[in-house]
Amino acid sequence: MFLRLGMEKDDYRRKNEDNLIIFSCGKSSYSQNIEFQSSYQLDPKYDYNFFQVGRFTSIGSNCKFLVDINHDYNSVYQGVIYLYGTEDENVPFRKRVGQKEEAMQHQGMIMIGSDVWIGDGVTIISDVTIGDGAVIAAGSVVVSDVLPYTIYGGNPARFIKYRFPEDIAEKMLGIRWWAFDDDTLKNIENDMKGDVTAFVEKYEKNINYYPKNPEIINSALGGTKPIFVTFLDTSDTRPVYFNIIDSFCRQYPSKEAELIIAYYLNSENDCRIIENLIKYCGTLPDGPALSFLAINEDEDEAVISQADVLICNRNIKNIDRFSFALKYKVKCISGCNKPIFSKKVLKKIGSN
């Protein structure tokens, strides 16, 4: 399918005909027509798909974004053999056409930050994050994560240089100007169009960092093990929280890490689901470290600041959560993947 980002005045999301959220975009981001290829076009009932663009991001023409377009290259054969297929509509599409998909990894998310510039003819594959302020040179093929405020290019895309000195870039991540409201942005137009060093010197006084504080997250493991954080996504029609919980329990069955599931106190739906999840977790063997954290809607940053890894979902708040994670150097992984903890992800987060 082809998408066009049209400089909307507010953050927005787009669903397909089967009510699956496939795309979210921050305000004022724009593109020419871009091509979005995803496995949901083959089998809409499977939900390993999500594509996110932050605020004030620019994407050139003829760019491709490939989500969950995968083959099992470890198999004897990689493609389609119709002789092995079936007409059973209840099985996944790949199996219906005779493709071996039991060991296939479903990599279902591309996350692009705010104030990113992607040149013409760029291809980005699944399970890639592009940090705030980054630049991707025209014609590049992006197969791995891109750091904030860096310039990458080539096939495969590699680091070329930083946009600004590292201390300036870090302060820009702390200022997060793309989260300013419209009135503020109007009032600081001259500063925004001026020198970046002068901008940082003027606005760095507004940077606030949450220090490590056990009172924000009361860790069941005393903060001695890696802390994973996710946010309950009950407002979405096809949430991924159960996939996250199940995957975490399989990967860390003996308290090798802790999963914090944050939910909003003012959400009746969140509180109802949490009651059921607590009952479910009570049926599990005494092994995985799962905790539930009731928060207010303005406390996302405080929670993320204490984490080692953020497991992202398709909620529109993920635009800000991703940015908070970059600010605190918290690693981000996809809650849409199946399995979530592939070898690639475990290498990324430094886990065995």
Protein backbone atom coordinates (compact mmCIF):
# COMPACT_ATOMS: atom_id res chain seq x y z
CA MET A 1 0.00 0.00 0.00
CA PHE A 2 1.05 3.63 -0.43
CA LEU A 3 0.91 6.17 2.38
CA ARG A 4 1.18 9.93 2.38
CA LEU A 5 2.01 11.92 5.48
CA GLY A 6 0.30 15.27 5.17
CA MET A 7 1.57 17.60 7.93
CA GLU A 8 -1.43 17.08 10.21
CA LYS A 9 -1.88 19.47 13.13
CA ASP A 10 -2.17 16.65 15.68
CA ASP A 11 -0.78 13.16 16.24
CA TYR A 12 -2.93 10.55 14.51
CA ARG A 13 -3.26 6.83 13.81
CA ARG A 14 -4.53 4.84 10.88
CA LYS A 15 -6.27 1.45 10.93
CA ASN A 16 -6.85 -1.07 8.19
CA GLU A 17 -10.22 -2.53 7.27
CA ASP A 18 -9.82 -5.20 9.97
CA ASN A 19 -9.40 -2.57 12.70
CA LEU A 20 -5.67 -3.22 13.14
CA ILE A 21 -3.60 -0.12 13.92
CA ILE A 22 -0.88 -0.25 11.31
CA PHE A 23 0.50 3.27 11.43
CA SER A 24 0.85 6.25 13.74
CA CYS A 25 2.30 9.63 12.90
CA GLY A 26 3.19 12.71 14.89
CA LYS A 27 2.02 16.18 13.92
CA SER A 28 3.67 18.11 11.11
CA SER A 29 5.51 15.10 9.68
CA TYR A 30 5.31 14.85 5.92
CA SER A 31 6.31 12.70 2.97
CA GLN A 32 5.78 12.12 -0.68
CA ASN A 33 4.05 8.84 -1.45
CA ILE A 34 5.86 6.07 0.43
CA GLU A 35 5.46 2.34 -0.01
CA PHE A 36 4.54 0.30 3.05
CA GLN A 37 4.75 -3.47 2.60
CA SER A 38 3.51 -5.67 5.41
CA SER A 39 2.41 -9.23 6.08
CA TYR A 40 -1.02 -7.94 7.11
CA GLN A 41 -1.68 -7.41 3.40
CA LEU A 42 -1.37 -11.19 3.06
CA ASP A 43 -3.21 -12.14 6.23
CA PRO A 44 -5.00 -9.27 8.03
CA LYS A 45 -6.00 -11.28 11.11
CA TYR A 46 -2.37 -11.55 12.26
CA ASP A 47 -1.12 -8.48 14.06
CA TYR A 48 2.68 -8.41 13.89
CA ASN A 49 2.59 -4.99 12.26
CA PHE A 50 3.27 -1.41 13.24
CA PHE A 51 4.94 1.61 11.66
CA GLN A 52 5.56 4.77 13.69
CA VAL A 53 6.78 8.22 12.70
CA GLY A 54 7.40 10.94 15.26
CA ARG A 55 6.73 14.68 15.00
CA PHE A 56 8.22 17.13 12.48
CA THR A 57 9.86 14.32 10.48
CA SER A 58 10.54 14.62 6.75
CA ILE A 59 10.47 11.60 4.43
CA GLY A 60 11.43 11.83 0.78
CA SER A 61 9.89 10.15 -2.25
CA ASN A 62 10.18 6.50 -3.33
CA CYS A 63 10.92 5.26 0.19
CA LYS A 64 10.01 1.70 1.22
CA PHE A 65 9.17 0.37 4.67
CA LEU A 66 9.10 -3.42 4.94
CA VAL A 67 7.36 -4.86 8.02
CA ASP A 68 7.29 -8.60 8.70
CA ILE A 69 8.24 -9.50 5.13
CA ASN A 70 10.32 -12.52 6.05
CA HIS A 71 11.44 -15.98 4.96
CA ASP A 72 12.97 -18.86 6.90
CA TYR A 73 16.40 -19.07 5.28
CA ASN A 74 17.44 -21.92 7.60
CA SER A 75 14.87 -24.20 6.00
CA VAL A 76 15.60 -26.57 3.10
CA TYR A 77 13.48 -24.28 0.94
CA GLN A 78 12.69 -20.61 1.55
CA GLY A 79 9.74 -19.78 -0.65
CA VAL A 80 6.39 -21.18 -1.72
CA ILE A 81 5.63 -24.75 -2.79
CA TYR A 82 1.91 -24.92 -3.47
CA LEU A 83 1.98 -28.72 -3.35
CA TYR A 84 2.51 -28.39 0.42
CA GLY A 85 -0.34 -25.93 0.89
CA THR A 86 -3.89 -26.22 2.12
CA GLU A 87 -7.25 -24.59 1.45
CA ASP A 88 -7.97 -24.30 5.17
CA GLU A 89 -8.76 -20.60 5.74
CA ASN A 90 -8.09 -20.97 9.48
CA VAL A 91 -4.33 -21.37 9.11
CA PRO A 92 -1.85 -18.56 8.36
CA PHE A 93 -1.50 -17.47 4.74
CA ARG A 94 2.10 -18.67 4.42
CA LYS A 95 1.07 -22.17 5.47
CA ARG A 96 -1.88 -22.08 3.05
CA VAL A 97 0.51 -21.50 0.14
CA GLY A 98 3.01 -24.13 1.27
CA GLN A 99 5.68 -21.97 2.86
CA LYS A 100 7.46 -23.33 5.94
CA GLU A 101 6.74 -20.78 8.66
CA GLU A 102 6.99 -22.62 11.99
CA ALA A 103 10.45 -21.19 12.76
CA MET A 104 9.90 -17.90 10.96
CA GLN A 105 10.45 -14.78 13.06
CA HIS A 106 7.71 -12.15 12.79
CA GLN A 107 9.44 -8.79 13.10
CA GLY A 108 6.58 -6.39 13.32
CA MET A 109 7.69 -2.84 14.03
CA ILE A 110 9.56 0.13 12.58
CA MET A 111 9.93 3.13 14.90
CA ILE A 112 11.10 6.49 13.58
CA GLY A 113 11.62 9.39 15.95
CA SER A 114 10.95 13.12 15.71
CA ASP A 115 12.88 15.70 13.66
CA VAL A 116 14.23 12.92 11.41
CA TRP A 117 15.15 13.52 7.77
CA ILE A 118 14.97 10.52 5.44
CA GLY A 119 16.19 11.14 1.90
CA ASP A 120 14.70 9.88 -1.37
CA GLY A 121 14.78 6.19 -2.21
CA VAL A 122 15.53 4.87 1.28
CA THR A 123 14.50 1.32 2.26
CA ILE A 124 13.97 0.46 5.93
CA ILE A 125 13.37 -3.11 7.09
CA SER A 126 11.53 -4.52 10.11
CA ASP A 127 12.67 -4.21 13.70
CA VAL A 128 14.63 -1.01 13.16
CA THR A 129 14.53 2.14 15.28
CA ILE A 130 15.68 5.54 14.02
CA GLY A 131 16.39 7.97 16.82
CA ASP A 132 15.23 11.57 17.16
CA GLY A 133 17.16 14.06 15.05
CA ALA A 134 18.76 11.47 12.76
CA VAL A 135 19.49 11.84 9.04
CA ILE A 136 19.35 8.97 6.51
CA ALA A 137 21.13 9.68 3.23
CA ALA A 138 19.22 9.16 -0.04
CA GLY A 139 19.30 5.64 -1.45
CA SER A 140 20.31 3.99 1.83
CA VAL A 141 19.14 0.58 3.03
CA VAL A 142 18.63 0.63 6.80
CA VAL A 143 18.94 -2.80 8.43
CA SER A 144 19.91 -1.85 12.00
CA ASP A 145 19.15 0.83 14.57
CA VAL A 146 20.19 4.43 13.92
CA LEU A 147 21.35 6.52 16.87
CA PRO A 148 19.78 9.93 17.62
CA TYR A 149 21.34 12.99 15.99
CA THR A 150 23.56 10.95 13.71
CA ILE A 151 23.90 10.78 9.93
CA TYR A 152 23.80 7.31 8.35
CA GLY A 153 24.14 6.29 4.71
CA GLY A 154 24.94 3.46 2.33
CA ASN A 155 23.85 -0.13 1.71
CA PRO A 156 23.73 -1.29 4.39
CA ALA A 157 23.48 2.10 6.09
CA ARG A 158 26.39 2.85 8.40
CA PHE A 159 27.33 5.67 10.75
CA ILE A 160 28.88 8.66 8.94
CA LYS A 161 29.03 11.37 11.60
CA TYR A 162 27.11 13.17 14.33
CA ARG A 163 24.93 16.11 13.33
CA PHE A 164 26.19 18.08 16.31
CA PRO A 165 28.83 17.54 19.00
CA GLU A 166 27.68 14.74 21.32
CA ASP A 167 27.07 17.03 24.29
CA ILE A 168 24.82 19.27 22.17
CA ALA A 169 22.93 16.25 20.83
CA GLU A 170 22.36 14.92 24.33
CA LYS A 171 20.97 18.26 25.46
CA MET A 172 18.68 18.41 22.43
CA LEU A 173 17.28 15.01 23.45
CA GLY A 174 16.67 16.47 26.91
CA ILE A 175 14.99 19.63 25.61
CA ARG A 176 12.65 17.67 23.28
CA TRP A 177 11.46 20.78 21.44
CA TRP A 178 9.11 18.65 19.29
CA ALA A 179 6.95 18.17 22.39
CA PHE A 180 6.42 21.94 22.81
CA ASP A 181 2.86 23.16 22.28
CA ASP A 182 1.98 25.31 19.28
CA ASP A 183 1.94 28.61 21.19
CA THR A 184 5.44 27.97 22.51
CA LEU A 185 6.76 27.09 19.06
CA LYS A 186 5.28 30.30 17.65
CA ASN A 187 6.88 32.39 20.37
CA ILE A 188 10.36 30.92 19.90
CA GLU A 189 10.49 31.03 16.10
CA ASN A 190 13.66 33.15 16.03
CA ASP A 191 15.42 30.79 18.42
CA MET A 192 14.34 27.74 16.39
CA LYS A 193 15.77 29.33 13.22
CA GLY A 194 18.96 30.41 14.94
CA ASP A 195 22.22 28.78 15.97
CA VAL A 196 21.88 25.38 17.65
CA THR A 197 24.47 26.11 20.33
CA ALA A 198 22.69 29.32 21.28
CA PHE A 199 19.39 27.41 21.33
CA VAL A 200 20.77 24.78 23.71
CA GLU A 201 22.33 27.39 26.00
CA LYS A 202 18.99 29.17 26.28
CA TYR A 203 16.76 26.13 26.83
CA GLU A 204 18.91 23.59 28.64
CA LYS A 205 17.83 25.13 31.96
CA ASN A 206 14.41 23.55 31.30
CA ILE A 207 15.81 20.01 31.06
CA ASN A 208 14.62 17.77 33.86
CA TYR A 209 16.02 14.29 34.48
CA TYR A 210 14.55 11.80 36.91
CA PRO A 211 17.34 10.28 39.00
CA LYS A 212 17.35 6.57 39.71
CA ASN A 213 14.81 6.27 42.50
CA PRO A 214 13.48 2.96 43.87
CA GLU A 215 10.36 4.80 45.06
CA ILE A 216 9.21 5.30 41.44
CA ILE A 217 9.40 1.59 40.68
CA ASN A 218 9.28 -0.69 43.69
CA SER A 219 11.28 -3.51 42.14
CA ALA A 220 10.43 -6.99 43.36
CA LEU A 221 14.06 -7.95 42.74
CA GLY A 222 15.50 -4.93 44.51
CA GLY A 223 16.86 -3.40 41.32
CA THR A 224 19.53 -6.09 41.03
CA LYS A 225 18.27 -7.45 37.69
CA PRO A 226 17.35 -5.78 34.37
CA ILE A 227 14.01 -3.98 34.49
CA PHE A 228 11.68 -4.19 31.48
CA VAL A 229 8.75 -1.77 31.30
CA THR A 230 5.61 -1.91 29.20
CA PHE A 231 2.33 0.00 29.31
CA LEU A 232 -1.05 -1.67 29.25
CA ASP A 233 -2.70 -1.01 25.87
CA THR A 234 -6.31 -1.88 26.68
CA SER A 235 -7.58 1.06 24.61
CA ASP A 236 -6.42 -0.63 21.41
CA THR A 237 -8.73 -3.04 19.62
CA ARG A 238 -5.94 -5.59 19.20
CA PRO A 239 -3.62 -5.11 22.19
CA VAL A 240 -0.24 -6.78 22.52
CA TYR A 241 0.15 -6.84 26.31
CA PHE A 242 -0.56 -10.56 26.61
CA ASN A 243 2.02 -11.37 23.94
CA ILE A 244 4.52 -9.32 25.97
CA ILE A 245 3.72 -11.06 29.26
CA ASP A 246 3.74 -14.54 27.73
CA SER A 247 7.01 -13.92 25.84
CA PHE A 248 8.70 -12.49 28.94
CA CYS A 249 7.68 -15.48 31.08
CA ARG A 250 9.09 -17.88 28.50
CA GLN A 251 12.38 -16.00 28.17
CA TYR A 252 12.93 -15.20 31.87
CA PRO A 253 11.25 -18.02 33.83
CA SER A 254 13.47 -17.81 36.92
CA LYS A 255 13.69 -14.14 37.89
CA GLU A 256 16.59 -13.34 35.56
CA ALA A 257 14.83 -10.02 34.88
CA GLU A 258 11.68 -8.16 35.94
CA LEU A 259 8.73 -6.96 33.87
CA ILE A 260 6.86 -3.88 35.13
CA ILE A 261 3.38 -3.53 33.61
CA ALA A 262 2.25 0.08 34.08
CA TYR A 263 -1.41 1.03 33.92
CA TYR A 264 -3.44 4.19 34.45
CA LEU A 265 -5.38 4.70 37.65
CA ASN A 266 -8.06 6.74 35.88
CA SER A 267 -8.78 4.02 33.31
CA GLU A 268 -11.59 1.71 34.36
CA ASN A 269 -10.69 -0.65 31.54
CA ASP A 270 -7.04 -0.80 32.64
CA CYS A 271 -8.03 -1.53 36.24
CA ARG A 272 -10.47 -4.26 35.17
CA ILE A 273 -7.88 -5.96 32.97
CA ILE A 274 -5.24 -5.71 35.68
CA GLU A 275 -7.52 -7.60 38.08
CA ASN A 276 -7.77 -10.42 35.56
CA LEU A 277 -4.01 -10.35 34.89
CA ILE A 278 -3.22 -10.59 38.59
CA LYS A 279 -5.48 -13.66 38.81
CA TYR A 280 -3.76 -15.13 35.73
CA CYS A 281 -0.29 -14.49 37.15
CA GLY A 282 -1.37 -16.21 40.35
CA THR A 283 -1.74 -19.41 38.35
CA LEU A 284 1.84 -19.28 37.05
CA PRO A 285 4.69 -21.23 38.68
CA ASP A 286 6.77 -19.23 41.16
CA GLY A 287 9.36 -18.08 38.66
CA PRO A 288 8.86 -15.05 36.39
CA ALA A 289 9.15 -11.66 38.09
CA LEU A 290 6.04 -9.69 37.09
CA SER A 291 4.90 -6.49 38.79
CA PHE A 292 1.95 -4.15 38.20
CA LEU A 293 2.36 -0.40 38.66
CA ALA A 294 -0.56 2.04 38.94
CA ILE A 295 0.36 5.49 37.62
CA ASN A 296 -1.16 8.78 36.49
CA GLU A 297 -1.12 9.68 32.79
CA ASP A 298 1.67 12.24 33.26
CA GLU A 299 4.07 9.75 34.82
CA ASP A 300 5.22 7.84 31.74
CA GLU A 301 8.60 9.58 31.66
CA ALA A 302 9.26 8.92 35.35
CA VAL A 303 8.60 5.19 34.88
CA ILE A 304 10.67 4.88 31.70
CA SER A 305 13.58 6.71 33.34
CA GLN A 306 14.00 3.79 35.77
CA ALA A 307 13.94 1.06 33.12
CA ASP A 308 16.64 -0.79 31.22
CA VAL A 309 14.36 -1.82 28.35
CA LEU A 310 11.05 -0.40 27.07
CA ILE A 311 8.76 -2.87 25.27
CA CYS A 312 6.70 -0.74 22.88
CA ASN A 313 3.12 -1.22 21.71
CA ARG A 314 0.92 0.50 19.11
CA ASN A 315 -0.56 3.13 21.43
CA ILE A 316 -0.32 6.73 20.18
CA LYS A 317 1.57 7.58 23.39
CA ASN A 318 4.44 5.48 22.03
CA ILE A 319 5.63 8.58 20.11
CA ASP A 320 6.54 10.26 23.41
CA ARG A 321 7.54 7.06 25.19
CA PHE A 322 10.08 6.27 22.48
CA SER A 323 11.51 9.77 22.84
CA PHE A 324 11.70 9.44 26.64
CA ALA A 325 13.57 6.16 26.21
CA LEU A 326 16.14 7.84 23.95
CA LYS A 327 16.55 10.65 26.47
CA TYR A 328 17.44 8.15 29.24
CA LYS A 329 19.35 5.74 26.96
CA VAL A 330 16.74 3.03 27.60
CA LYS A 331 16.72 0.33 24.93
CA CYS A 332 13.52 -0.09 22.89
CA ILE A 333 12.13 -3.35 21.53
CA SER A 334 8.90 -4.28 19.79
CA GLY A 335 5.95 -5.86 21.58
CA CYS A 336 4.51 -6.81 18.17
CA ASN A 337 7.28 -9.29 17.36
CA LYS A 338 6.71 -13.04 17.63
CA PRO A 339 8.87 -14.17 19.26
CA ILE A 340 9.72 -10.91 20.99
CA PHE A 341 13.06 -12.16 22.28
CA SER A 342 14.82 -13.26 19.11
CA LYS A 343 18.60 -13.66 19.00
CA LYS A 344 18.81 -10.23 17.38
CA VAL A 345 16.81 -8.60 20.19
CA LEU A 346 18.73 -10.42 22.93
CA LYS A 347 21.99 -9.19 21.42
CA LYS A 348 20.61 -5.65 21.25
CA ILE A 349 19.63 -5.58 24.92
CA GLY A 350 22.76 -7.41 26.05
CA SER A 351 20.97 -10.49 27.34
CA ASN A 352 22.00 -14.11 26.87
